[in-house]
Amino acid sequence: MKEKPLWLRRLGWLVALWAGGVAALWLVASLIRAIMHAAGMH
């Protein structure tokens, strides 16, 4: 099996980190929204 080019591996890492960051932000936003909703602040 041939080794992947370095730029392809870097691109994969970039996409993975970006997706992780987006997921974390969405999670935090959902959490804050849920807390505010529970507190009665719409």
N, C-alpha and C. Protein backbone atom coordinates (compact mmCIF):
# COMPACT_ATOMS: atom_id res chain seq x y z
N MET A 1 0.84 -1.20 0.00
CA MET A 1 0.00 0.00 0.00
C MET A 1 0.88 1.26 0.00
N LYS A 2 0.55 2.19 -0.89
CA LYS A 2 1.37 3.39 -1.04
C LYS A 2 1.04 4.41 0.06
N GLU A 3 2.07 5.14 0.48
CA GLU A 3 1.90 6.17 1.51
C GLU A 3 1.16 7.37 0.92
N LYS A 4 0.24 7.92 1.70
CA LYS A 4 -0.50 9.10 1.25
C LYS A 4 0.41 10.32 1.21
N PRO A 5 0.15 11.24 0.27
CA PRO A 5 0.95 12.47 0.25
C PRO A 5 0.74 13.27 1.54
N LEU A 6 1.76 14.04 1.90
CA LEU A 6 1.72 14.79 3.15
C LEU A 6 0.59 15.82 3.16
N TRP A 7 0.38 16.50 2.02
CA TRP A 7 -0.66 17.53 1.97
C TRP A 7 -2.04 16.94 2.18
N LEU A 8 -2.22 15.70 1.71
CA LEU A 8 -3.52 15.04 1.86
C LEU A 8 -3.78 14.73 3.34
N ARG A 9 -2.72 14.30 4.04
CA ARG A 9 -2.84 14.00 5.46
C ARG A 9 -3.11 15.28 6.26
N ARG A 10 -2.43 16.38 5.86
CA ARG A 10 -2.64 17.66 6.53
C ARG A 10 -4.06 18.16 6.31
N LEU A 11 -4.56 17.97 5.09
CA LEU A 11 -5.92 18.39 4.76
C LEU A 11 -6.93 17.59 5.59
N GLY A 12 -6.66 16.30 5.74
CA GLY A 12 -7.52 15.45 6.55
C GLY A 12 -7.57 15.91 8.00
N TRP A 13 -6.40 16.25 8.55
CA TRP A 13 -6.33 16.74 9.92
C TRP A 13 -7.09 18.06 10.06
N LEU A 14 -6.93 18.94 9.07
CA LEU A 14 -7.59 20.24 9.09
C LEU A 14 -9.11 20.07 9.10
N VAL A 15 -9.60 19.19 8.24
CA VAL A 15 -11.04 18.93 8.17
C VAL A 15 -11.54 18.33 9.48
N ALA A 16 -10.77 17.40 10.05
CA ALA A 16 -11.16 16.75 11.30
C ALA A 16 -11.22 17.77 12.45
N LEU A 17 -10.22 18.63 12.52
CA LEU A 17 -10.18 19.65 13.58
C LEU A 17 -11.31 20.67 13.41
N TRP A 18 -11.56 21.06 12.15
CA TRP A 18 -12.63 22.02 11.86
C TRP A 18 -13.99 21.42 12.26
N ALA A 19 -14.21 20.16 11.88
CA ALA A 19 -15.47 19.49 12.21
C ALA A 19 -15.63 19.37 13.73
N GLY A 20 -14.52 19.07 14.42
CA GLY A 20 -14.56 18.96 15.88
C GLY A 20 -14.89 20.30 16.53
N GLY A 21 -14.32 21.37 16.00
CA GLY A 21 -14.59 22.70 16.53
C GLY A 21 -16.04 23.11 16.34
N VAL A 22 -16.56 22.83 15.15
CA VAL A 22 -17.95 23.15 14.85
C VAL A 22 -18.88 22.35 15.77
N ALA A 23 -18.59 21.08 15.94
CA ALA A 23 -19.41 20.23 16.81
C ALA A 23 -19.38 20.73 18.25
N ALA A 24 -18.20 21.14 18.73
CA ALA A 24 -18.06 21.64 20.10
C ALA A 24 -18.84 22.94 20.28
N LEU A 25 -18.75 23.84 19.30
CA LEU A 25 -19.49 25.10 19.37
C LEU A 25 -21.00 24.85 19.39
N TRP A 26 -21.45 23.94 18.54
CA TRP A 26 -22.87 23.60 18.48
C TRP A 26 -23.34 23.02 19.81
N LEU A 27 -22.50 22.19 20.40
CA LEU A 27 -22.83 21.56 21.67
C LEU A 27 -22.97 22.60 22.78
N VAL A 28 -22.02 23.54 22.83
CA VAL A 28 -22.06 24.61 23.83
C VAL A 28 -23.29 25.49 23.64
N ALA A 29 -23.58 25.85 22.39
CA ALA A 29 -24.74 26.68 22.08
C ALA A 29 -26.03 25.99 22.48
N SER A 30 -26.13 24.70 22.21
CA SER A 30 -27.32 23.93 22.56
C SER A 30 -27.48 23.85 24.07
N LEU A 31 -26.37 23.70 24.77
CA LEU A 31 -26.38 23.61 26.22
C LEU A 31 -26.87 24.92 26.82
N ILE A 32 -26.34 26.04 26.34
CA ILE A 32 -26.75 27.36 26.83
C ILE A 32 -28.23 27.60 26.55
N ARG A 33 -28.68 27.23 25.35
CA ARG A 33 -30.08 27.39 24.99
C ARG A 33 -30.97 26.56 25.90
N ALA A 34 -30.55 25.33 26.21
CA ALA A 34 -31.32 24.46 27.08
C ALA A 34 -31.40 25.03 28.50
N ILE A 35 -30.28 25.56 28.99
CA ILE A 35 -30.25 26.15 30.34
C ILE A 35 -31.15 27.38 30.40
N MET A 36 -31.08 28.24 29.38
CA MET A 36 -31.92 29.43 29.35
C MET A 36 -33.39 29.07 29.25
N HIS A 37 -33.69 28.04 28.48
CA HIS A 37 -35.07 27.58 28.34
C HIS A 37 -35.58 27.03 29.67
N ALA A 38 -34.73 26.30 30.39
CA ALA A 38 -35.10 25.74 31.68
C ALA A 38 -35.30 26.85 32.71
N ALA A 39 -34.54 27.95 32.56
CA ALA A 39 -34.63 29.07 33.50
C ALA A 39 -35.83 29.97 33.16
N GLY A 40 -36.50 29.70 32.03
CA GLY A 40 -37.66 30.47 31.66
C GLY A 40 -37.33 31.72 30.87
N MET A 41 -36.09 31.83 30.39
CA MET A 41 -35.68 32.98 29.57
C MET A 41 -35.70 32.55 28.11
N HIS A 42 -36.64 33.08 27.35
CA HIS A 42 -36.78 32.68 25.94
C HIS A 42 -36.05 33.65 25.03
